[in-house]
Amino acid sequence: MFLNIILTLLVIVLLSITLMLYFWWKKFGKQMFNSISNMKNMFPKDGGKLTNNTLDINKLMSDLTKINQTFKK
């Protein structure tokens, strides 16, 4: 009798966890998975060479120094 109660509680807990995971996947998980898998489109496909779409760090740093100088003035 005692084992039947424990088994019943265990089944109820496992079913509720499964349902919660299912609803979480439908609400948040699918969007997260799709956004992470779409991130690979942001990186260049030419083996890491700089293209027009990638960010040039030297250009960014020079722009930041110009902005800094204008703030100081």
PDB file of N, CA and C in Angstrom:
ATOM      1  N   MET A   1       0.821  -1.191   0.000  1.00  0.00           N
ATOM      2  CA  MET A   1       0.000   0.000   0.000  1.00  0.00           C
ATOM      3  C   MET A   1       0.867   1.258   0.000  1.00  0.00           C
ATOM      4  N   PHE A   2       1.881   1.255   0.835  1.00  0.00           N
ATOM      5  CA  PHE A   2       2.771   2.405   0.924  1.00  0.00           C
ATOM      6  C   PHE A   2       3.511   2.624  -0.390  1.00  0.00           C
ATOM      7  N   LEU A   3       3.957   1.551  -1.027  1.00  0.00           N
ATOM      8  CA  LEU A   3       4.672   1.665  -2.298  1.00  0.00           C
ATOM      9  C   LEU A   3       3.752   2.157  -3.417  1.00  0.00           C
ATOM     10  N   ASN A   4       2.484   1.783  -3.364  1.00  0.00           N
ATOM     11  CA  ASN A   4       1.531   2.263  -4.363  1.00  0.00           C
ATOM     12  C   ASN A   4       1.354   3.772  -4.275  1.00  0.00           C
ATOM     13  N   ILE A   5       1.304   4.299  -3.073  1.00  0.00           N
ATOM     14  CA  ILE A   5       1.158   5.745  -2.878  1.00  0.00           C
ATOM     15  C   ILE A   5       2.391   6.466  -3.387  1.00  0.00           C
ATOM     16  N   ILE A   6       3.566   5.941  -3.072  1.00  0.00           N
ATOM     17  CA  ILE A   6       4.815   6.556  -3.537  1.00  0.00           C
ATOM     18  C   ILE A   6       4.902   6.513  -5.052  1.00  0.00           C
ATOM     19  N   LEU A   7       4.532   5.399  -5.649  1.00  0.00           N
ATOM     20  CA  LEU A   7       4.556   5.267  -7.103  1.00  0.00           C
ATOM     21  C   LEU A   7       3.572   6.231  -7.753  1.00  0.00           C
ATOM     22  N   THR A   8       2.403   6.372  -7.197  1.00  0.00           N
ATOM     23  CA  THR A   8       1.400   7.297  -7.725  1.00  0.00           C
ATOM     24  C   THR A   8       1.897   8.732  -7.659  1.00  0.00           C
ATOM     25  N   LEU A   9       2.478   9.107  -6.539  1.00  0.00           N
ATOM     26  CA  LEU A   9       3.034  10.461  -6.408  1.00  0.00           C
ATOM     27  C   LEU A   9       4.165  10.700  -7.396  1.00  0.00           C
ATOM     28  N   LEU A  10       5.000   9.713  -7.582  1.00  0.00           N
ATOM     29  CA  LEU A  10       6.106   9.829  -8.530  1.00  0.00           C
ATOM     30  C   LEU A  10       5.587  10.012  -9.954  1.00  0.00           C
ATOM     31  N   VAL A  11       4.570   9.273 -10.328  1.00  0.00           N
ATOM     32  CA  VAL A  11       3.990   9.397 -11.669  1.00  0.00           C
ATOM     33  C   VAL A  11       3.372  10.779 -11.853  1.00  0.00           C
ATOM     34  N   ILE A  12       2.674  11.273 -10.844  1.00  0.00           N
ATOM     35  CA  ILE A  12       2.063  12.602 -10.924  1.00  0.00           C
ATOM     36  C   ILE A  12       3.134  13.678 -11.071  1.00  0.00           C
ATOM     37  N   VAL A  13       4.208  13.576 -10.302  1.00  0.00           N
ATOM     38  CA  VAL A  13       5.293  14.552 -10.388  1.00  0.00           C
ATOM     39  C   VAL A  13       5.959  14.508 -11.761  1.00  0.00           C
ATOM     40  N   LEU A  14       6.227  13.317 -12.270  1.00  0.00           N
ATOM     41  CA  LEU A  14       6.859  13.208 -13.590  1.00  0.00           C
ATOM     42  C   LEU A  14       5.957  13.743 -14.696  1.00  0.00           C
ATOM     43  N   LEU A  15       4.660  13.477 -14.616  1.00  0.00           N
ATOM     44  CA  LEU A  15       3.739  14.008 -15.615  1.00  0.00           C
ATOM     45  C   LEU A  15       3.642  15.527 -15.553  1.00  0.00           C
ATOM     46  N   SER A  16       3.634  16.076 -14.358  1.00  0.00           N
ATOM     47  CA  SER A  16       3.557  17.532 -14.250  1.00  0.00           C
ATOM     48  C   SER A  16       4.834  18.190 -14.765  1.00  0.00           C
ATOM     49  N   ILE A  17       5.994  17.584 -14.493  1.00  0.00           N
ATOM     50  CA  ILE A  17       7.254  18.126 -15.014  1.00  0.00           C
ATOM     51  C   ILE A  17       7.261  18.065 -16.541  1.00  0.00           C
ATOM     52  N   THR A  18       6.774  16.969 -17.096  1.00  0.00           N
ATOM     53  CA  THR A  18       6.721  16.831 -18.549  1.00  0.00           C
ATOM     54  C   THR A  18       5.796  17.875 -19.165  1.00  0.00           C
ATOM     55  N   LEU A  19       4.645  18.087 -18.553  1.00  0.00           N
ATOM     56  CA  LEU A  19       3.726  19.101 -19.065  1.00  0.00           C
ATOM     57  C   LEU A  19       4.305  20.499 -18.957  1.00  0.00           C
ATOM     58  N   MET A  20       4.966  20.803 -17.857  1.00  0.00           N
ATOM     59  CA  MET A  20       5.578  22.125 -17.706  1.00  0.00           C
ATOM     60  C   MET A  20       6.670  22.346 -18.746  1.00  0.00           C
ATOM     61  N   LEU A  21       7.483  21.319 -18.989  1.00  0.00           N
ATOM     62  CA  LEU A  21       8.512  21.446 -20.019  1.00  0.00           C
ATOM     63  C   LEU A  21       7.893  21.639 -21.396  1.00  0.00           C
ATOM     64  N   TYR A  22       6.820  20.943 -21.691  1.00  0.00           N
ATOM     65  CA  TYR A  22       6.152  21.088 -22.984  1.00  0.00           C
ATOM     66  C   TYR A  22       5.630  22.508 -23.182  1.00  0.00           C
ATOM     67  N   PHE A  23       4.935  23.038 -22.171  1.00  0.00           N
ATOM     68  CA  PHE A  23       4.405  24.398 -22.291  1.00  0.00           C
ATOM     69  C   PHE A  23       5.523  25.434 -22.337  1.00  0.00           C
ATOM     70  N   TRP A  24       6.610  25.212 -21.597  1.00  0.00           N
ATOM     71  CA  TRP A  24       7.748  26.123 -21.659  1.00  0.00           C
ATOM     72  C   TRP A  24       8.346  26.113 -23.057  1.00  0.00           C
ATOM     73  N   TRP A  25       8.473  24.933 -23.654  1.00  0.00           N
ATOM     74  CA  TRP A  25       9.044  24.830 -24.999  1.00  0.00           C
ATOM     75  C   TRP A  25       8.171  25.565 -26.000  1.00  0.00           C
ATOM     76  N   LYS A  26       6.855  25.405 -25.888  1.00  0.00           N
ATOM     77  CA  LYS A  26       5.953  26.072 -26.816  1.00  0.00           C
ATOM     78  C   LYS A  26       6.018  27.594 -26.668  1.00  0.00           C
ATOM     79  N   LYS A  27       6.192  28.091 -25.437  1.00  0.00           N
ATOM     80  CA  LYS A  27       6.150  29.531 -25.207  1.00  0.00           C
ATOM     81  C   LYS A  27       7.503  30.202 -25.420  1.00  0.00           C
ATOM     82  N   PHE A  28       8.590  29.616 -24.876  1.00  0.00           N
ATOM     83  CA  PHE A  28       9.896  30.274 -24.911  1.00  0.00           C
ATOM     84  C   PHE A  28      10.955  29.493 -25.683  1.00  0.00           C
ATOM     85  N   GLY A  29      10.999  28.198 -25.526  1.00  0.00           N
ATOM     86  CA  GLY A  29      12.097  27.390 -26.037  1.00  0.00           C
ATOM     87  C   GLY A  29      12.241  27.422 -27.541  1.00  0.00           C
ATOM     88  N   LYS A  30      11.123  27.362 -28.251  1.00  0.00           N
ATOM     89  CA  LYS A  30      11.186  27.343 -29.716  1.00  0.00           C
ATOM     90  C   LYS A  30      11.758  28.651 -30.240  1.00  0.00           C
ATOM     91  N   GLN A  31      11.361  29.788 -29.649  1.00  0.00           N
ATOM     92  CA  GLN A  31      11.898  31.084 -30.075  1.00  0.00           C
ATOM     93  C   GLN A  31      13.387  31.191 -29.784  1.00  0.00           C
ATOM     94  N   MET A  32      13.802  30.709 -28.606  1.00  0.00           N
ATOM     95  CA  MET A  32      15.226  30.756 -28.275  1.00  0.00           C
ATOM     96  C   MET A  32      16.044  29.907 -29.234  1.00  0.00           C
ATOM     97  N   PHE A  33      15.552  28.712 -29.524  1.00  0.00           N
ATOM     98  CA  PHE A  33      16.265  27.821 -30.434  1.00  0.00           C
ATOM     99  C   PHE A  33      16.370  28.435 -31.825  1.00  0.00           C
ATOM    100  N   ASN A  34      15.289  29.013 -32.309  1.00  0.00           N
ATOM    101  CA  ASN A  34      15.309  29.631 -33.633  1.00  0.00           C
ATOM    102  C   ASN A  34      16.234  30.836 -33.685  1.00  0.00           C
ATOM    103  N   SER A  35      16.244  31.650 -32.633  1.00  0.00           N
ATOM    104  CA  SER A  35      17.116  32.826 -32.651  1.00  0.00           C
ATOM    105  C   SER A  35      18.586  32.429 -32.565  1.00  0.00           C
ATOM    106  N   ILE A  36      18.894  31.389 -31.795  1.00  0.00           N
ATOM    107  CA  ILE A  36      20.284  30.933 -31.714  1.00  0.00           C
ATOM    108  C   ILE A  36      20.716  30.308 -33.031  1.00  0.00           C
ATOM    109  N   SER A  37      19.836  29.547 -33.664  1.00  0.00           N
ATOM    110  CA  SER A  37      20.216  28.936 -34.937  1.00  0.00           C
ATOM    111  C   SER A  37      20.301  29.976 -36.048  1.00  0.00           C
ATOM    112  N   ASN A  38      19.592  31.096 -35.930  1.00  0.00           N
ATOM    113  CA  ASN A  38      19.690  32.169 -36.924  1.00  0.00           C
ATOM    114  C   ASN A  38      20.923  33.038 -36.713  1.00  0.00           C
ATOM    115  N   MET A  39      21.589  32.929 -35.570  1.00  0.00           N
ATOM    116  CA  MET A  39      22.786  33.726 -35.316  1.00  0.00           C
ATOM    117  C   MET A  39      23.923  33.359 -36.259  1.00  0.00           C
ATOM    118  N   LYS A  40      23.924  32.131 -36.757  1.00  0.00           N
ATOM    119  CA  LYS A  40      25.013  31.734 -37.640  1.00  0.00           C
ATOM    120  C   LYS A  40      24.992  32.514 -38.944  1.00  0.00           C
ATOM    121  N   ASN A  41      23.869  33.130 -39.285  1.00  0.00           N
ATOM    122  CA  ASN A  41      23.797  33.952 -40.492  1.00  0.00           C
ATOM    123  C   ASN A  41      24.505  35.291 -40.313  1.00  0.00           C
ATOM    124  N   MET A  42      24.796  35.659 -39.063  1.00  0.00           N
ATOM    125  CA  MET A  42      25.449  36.937 -38.805  1.00  0.00           C
ATOM    126  C   MET A  42      26.952  36.877 -39.038  1.00  0.00           C
ATOM    127  N   PHE A  43      27.540  35.701 -39.014  1.00  0.00           N
ATOM    128  CA  PHE A  43      28.979  35.562 -39.165  1.00  0.00           C
ATOM    129  C   PHE A  43      29.343  35.373 -40.626  1.00  0.00           C
ATOM    130  N   PRO A  44      30.522  35.855 -41.029  1.00  0.00           N
ATOM    131  CA  PRO A  44      30.910  35.725 -42.437  1.00  0.00           C
ATOM    132  C   PRO A  44      31.144  34.273 -42.809  1.00  0.00           C
ATOM    133  N   LYS A  45      30.838  33.961 -44.062  1.00  0.00           N
ATOM    134  CA  LYS A  45      30.963  32.584 -44.535  1.00  0.00           C
ATOM    135  C   LYS A  45      32.225  32.365 -45.356  1.00  0.00           C
ATOM    136  N   ASP A  46      33.098  33.375 -45.407  1.00  0.00           N
ATOM    137  CA  ASP A  46      34.291  33.254 -46.248  1.00  0.00           C
ATOM    138  C   ASP A  46      35.526  32.905 -45.429  1.00  0.00           C
ATOM    139  N   GLY A  47      35.373  32.156 -44.392  1.00  0.00           N
ATOM    140  CA  GLY A  47      36.520  31.691 -43.626  1.00  0.00           C
ATOM    141  C   GLY A  47      37.091  32.714 -42.673  1.00  0.00           C
ATOM    142  N   GLY A  48      36.333  33.711 -42.280  1.00  0.00           N
ATOM    143  CA  GLY A  48      36.806  34.690 -41.314  1.00  0.00           C
ATOM    144  C   GLY A  48      37.414  35.929 -41.933  1.00  0.00           C
ATOM    145  N   LYS A  49      37.465  36.010 -43.253  1.00  0.00           N
ATOM    146  CA  LYS A  49      37.988  37.212 -43.891  1.00  0.00           C
ATOM    147  C   LYS A  49      36.989  38.346 -43.716  1.00  0.00           C
ATOM    148  N   LEU A  50      37.509  39.564 -43.657  1.00  0.00           N
ATOM    149  CA  LEU A  50      36.629  40.711 -43.485  1.00  0.00           C
ATOM    150  C   LEU A  50      35.884  40.995 -44.778  1.00  0.00           C
ATOM    151  N   THR A  51      34.591  41.187 -44.674  1.00  0.00           N
ATOM    152  CA  THR A  51      33.781  41.565 -45.822  1.00  0.00           C
ATOM    153  C   THR A  51      33.144  42.919 -45.525  1.00  0.00           C
ATOM    154  N   ASN A  52      32.332  43.384 -46.401  1.00  0.00           N
ATOM    155  CA  ASN A  52      31.681  44.682 -46.203  1.00  0.00           C
ATOM    156  C   ASN A  52      30.689  44.633 -45.049  1.00  0.00           C
ATOM    157  N   ASN A  53      30.164  43.463 -44.749  1.00  0.00           N
ATOM    158  CA  ASN A  53      29.147  43.347 -43.708  1.00  0.00           C
ATOM    159  C   ASN A  53      29.739  43.210 -42.305  1.00  0.00           C
ATOM    160  N   THR A  54      31.009  42.891 -42.189  1.00  0.00           N
ATOM    161  CA  THR A  54      31.598  42.696 -40.864  1.00  0.00           C
ATOM    162  C   THR A  54      32.082  44.021 -40.299  1.00  0.00           C
ATOM    163  N   LEU A  55      32.254  44.044 -38.998  1.00  0.00           N
ATOM    164  CA  LEU A  55      32.647  45.258 -38.297  1.00  0.00           C
ATOM    165  C   LEU A  55      34.161  45.377 -38.268  1.00  0.00           C
ATOM    166  N   ASP A  56      34.683  46.516 -38.697  1.00  0.00           N
ATOM    167  CA  ASP A  56      36.124  46.770 -38.670  1.00  0.00           C
ATOM    168  C   ASP A  56      36.457  47.430 -37.339  1.00  0.00           C
ATOM    169  N   ILE A  57      37.243  46.772 -36.516  1.00  0.00           N
ATOM    170  CA  ILE A  57      37.544  47.232 -35.164  1.00  0.00           C
ATOM    171  C   ILE A  57      38.320  48.549 -35.198  1.00  0.00           C
ATOM    172  N   ASN A  58      39.277  48.685 -36.107  1.00  0.00           N
ATOM    173  CA  ASN A  58      40.066  49.928 -36.173  1.00  0.00           C
ATOM    174  C   ASN A  58      39.184  51.127 -36.494  1.00  0.00           C
ATOM    175  N   LYS A  59      38.245  50.952 -37.387  1.00  0.00           N
ATOM    176  CA  LYS A  59      37.337  52.040 -37.737  1.00  0.00           C
ATOM    177  C   LYS A  59      36.454  52.392 -36.531  1.00  0.00           C
ATOM    178  N   LEU A  60      36.005  51.392 -35.823  1.00  0.00           N
ATOM    179  CA  LEU A  60      35.181  51.628 -34.650  1.00  0.00           C
ATOM    180  C   LEU A  60      35.955  52.376 -33.571  1.00  0.00           C
ATOM    181  N   MET A  61      37.200  51.980 -33.334  1.00  0.00           N
ATOM    182  CA  MET A  61      37.996  52.635 -32.298  1.00  0.00           C
ATOM    183  C   MET A  61      38.288  54.082 -32.677  1.00  0.00           C
ATOM    184  N   SER A  62      38.547  54.359 -33.941  1.00  0.00           N
ATOM    185  CA  SER A  62      38.796  55.740 -34.345  1.00  0.00           C
ATOM    186  C   SER A  62      37.532  56.577 -34.176  1.00  0.00           C
ATOM    187  N   ASP A  63      36.376  55.989 -34.462  1.00  0.00           N
ATOM    188  CA  ASP A  63      35.124  56.705 -34.257  1.00  0.00           C
ATOM    189  C   ASP A  63      34.893  56.977 -32.772  1.00  0.00           C
ATOM    190  N   LEU A  64      35.240  56.018 -31.929  1.00  0.00           N
ATOM    191  CA  LEU A  64      35.070  56.207 -30.495  1.00  0.00           C
ATOM    192  C   LEU A  64      35.988  57.293 -29.952  1.00  0.00           C
ATOM    193  N   THR A  65      37.209  57.352 -30.450  1.00  0.00           N
ATOM    194  CA  THR A  65      38.114  58.405 -29.997  1.00  0.00           C
ATOM    195  C   THR A  65      37.613  59.780 -30.449  1.00  0.00           C
ATOM    196  N   LYS A  66      37.046  59.866 -31.645  1.00  0.00           N
ATOM    197  CA  LYS A  66      36.474  61.135 -32.105  1.00  0.00           C
ATOM    198  C   LYS A  66      35.299  61.549 -31.223  1.00  0.00           C
ATOM    199  N   ILE A  67      34.480  60.598 -30.870  1.00  0.00           N
ATOM    200  CA  ILE A  67      33.338  60.893 -30.001  1.00  0.00           C
ATOM    201  C   ILE A  67      33.820  61.335 -28.630  1.00  0.00           C
ATOM    202  N   ASN A  68      34.841  60.674 -28.108  1.00  0.00           N
ATOM    203  CA  ASN A  68      35.421  61.049 -26.821  1.00  0.00           C
ATOM    204  C   ASN A  68      35.960  62.481 -26.858  1.00  0.00           C
ATOM    205  N   GLN A  69      36.657  62.829 -27.928  1.00  0.00           N
ATOM    206  CA  GLN A  69      37.217  64.172 -28.035  1.00  0.00           C
ATOM    207  C   GLN A  69      36.124  65.218 -28.100  1.00  0.00           C
ATOM    208  N   THR A  70      35.037  64.923 -28.785  1.00  0.00           N
ATOM    209  CA  THR A  70      33.953  65.903 -28.853  1.00  0.00           C
ATOM    210  C   THR A  70      33.272  66.062 -27.493  1.00  0.00           C
ATOM    211  N   PHE A  71      33.179  64.995 -26.725  1.00  0.00           N
ATOM    212  CA  PHE A  71      32.608  65.101 -25.376  1.00  0.00           C
ATOM    213  C   PHE A  71      33.507  65.915 -24.459  1.00  0.00           C
ATOM    214  N   LYS A  72      34.812  65.763 -24.612  1.00  0.00           N
ATOM    215  CA  LYS A  72      35.738  66.512 -23.763  1.00  0.00           C
ATOM    216  C   LYS A  72      35.701  67.993 -24.066  1.00  0.00           C
ATOM    217  N   LYS A  73      35.446  68.353 -25.335  1.00  0.00           N
ATOM    218  CA  LYS A  73      35.368  69.776 -25.716  1.00  0.00           C
ATOM    219  C   LYS A  73      34.064  70.325 -25.194  1.00  0.00           C
TER     220      LYS A  73
END
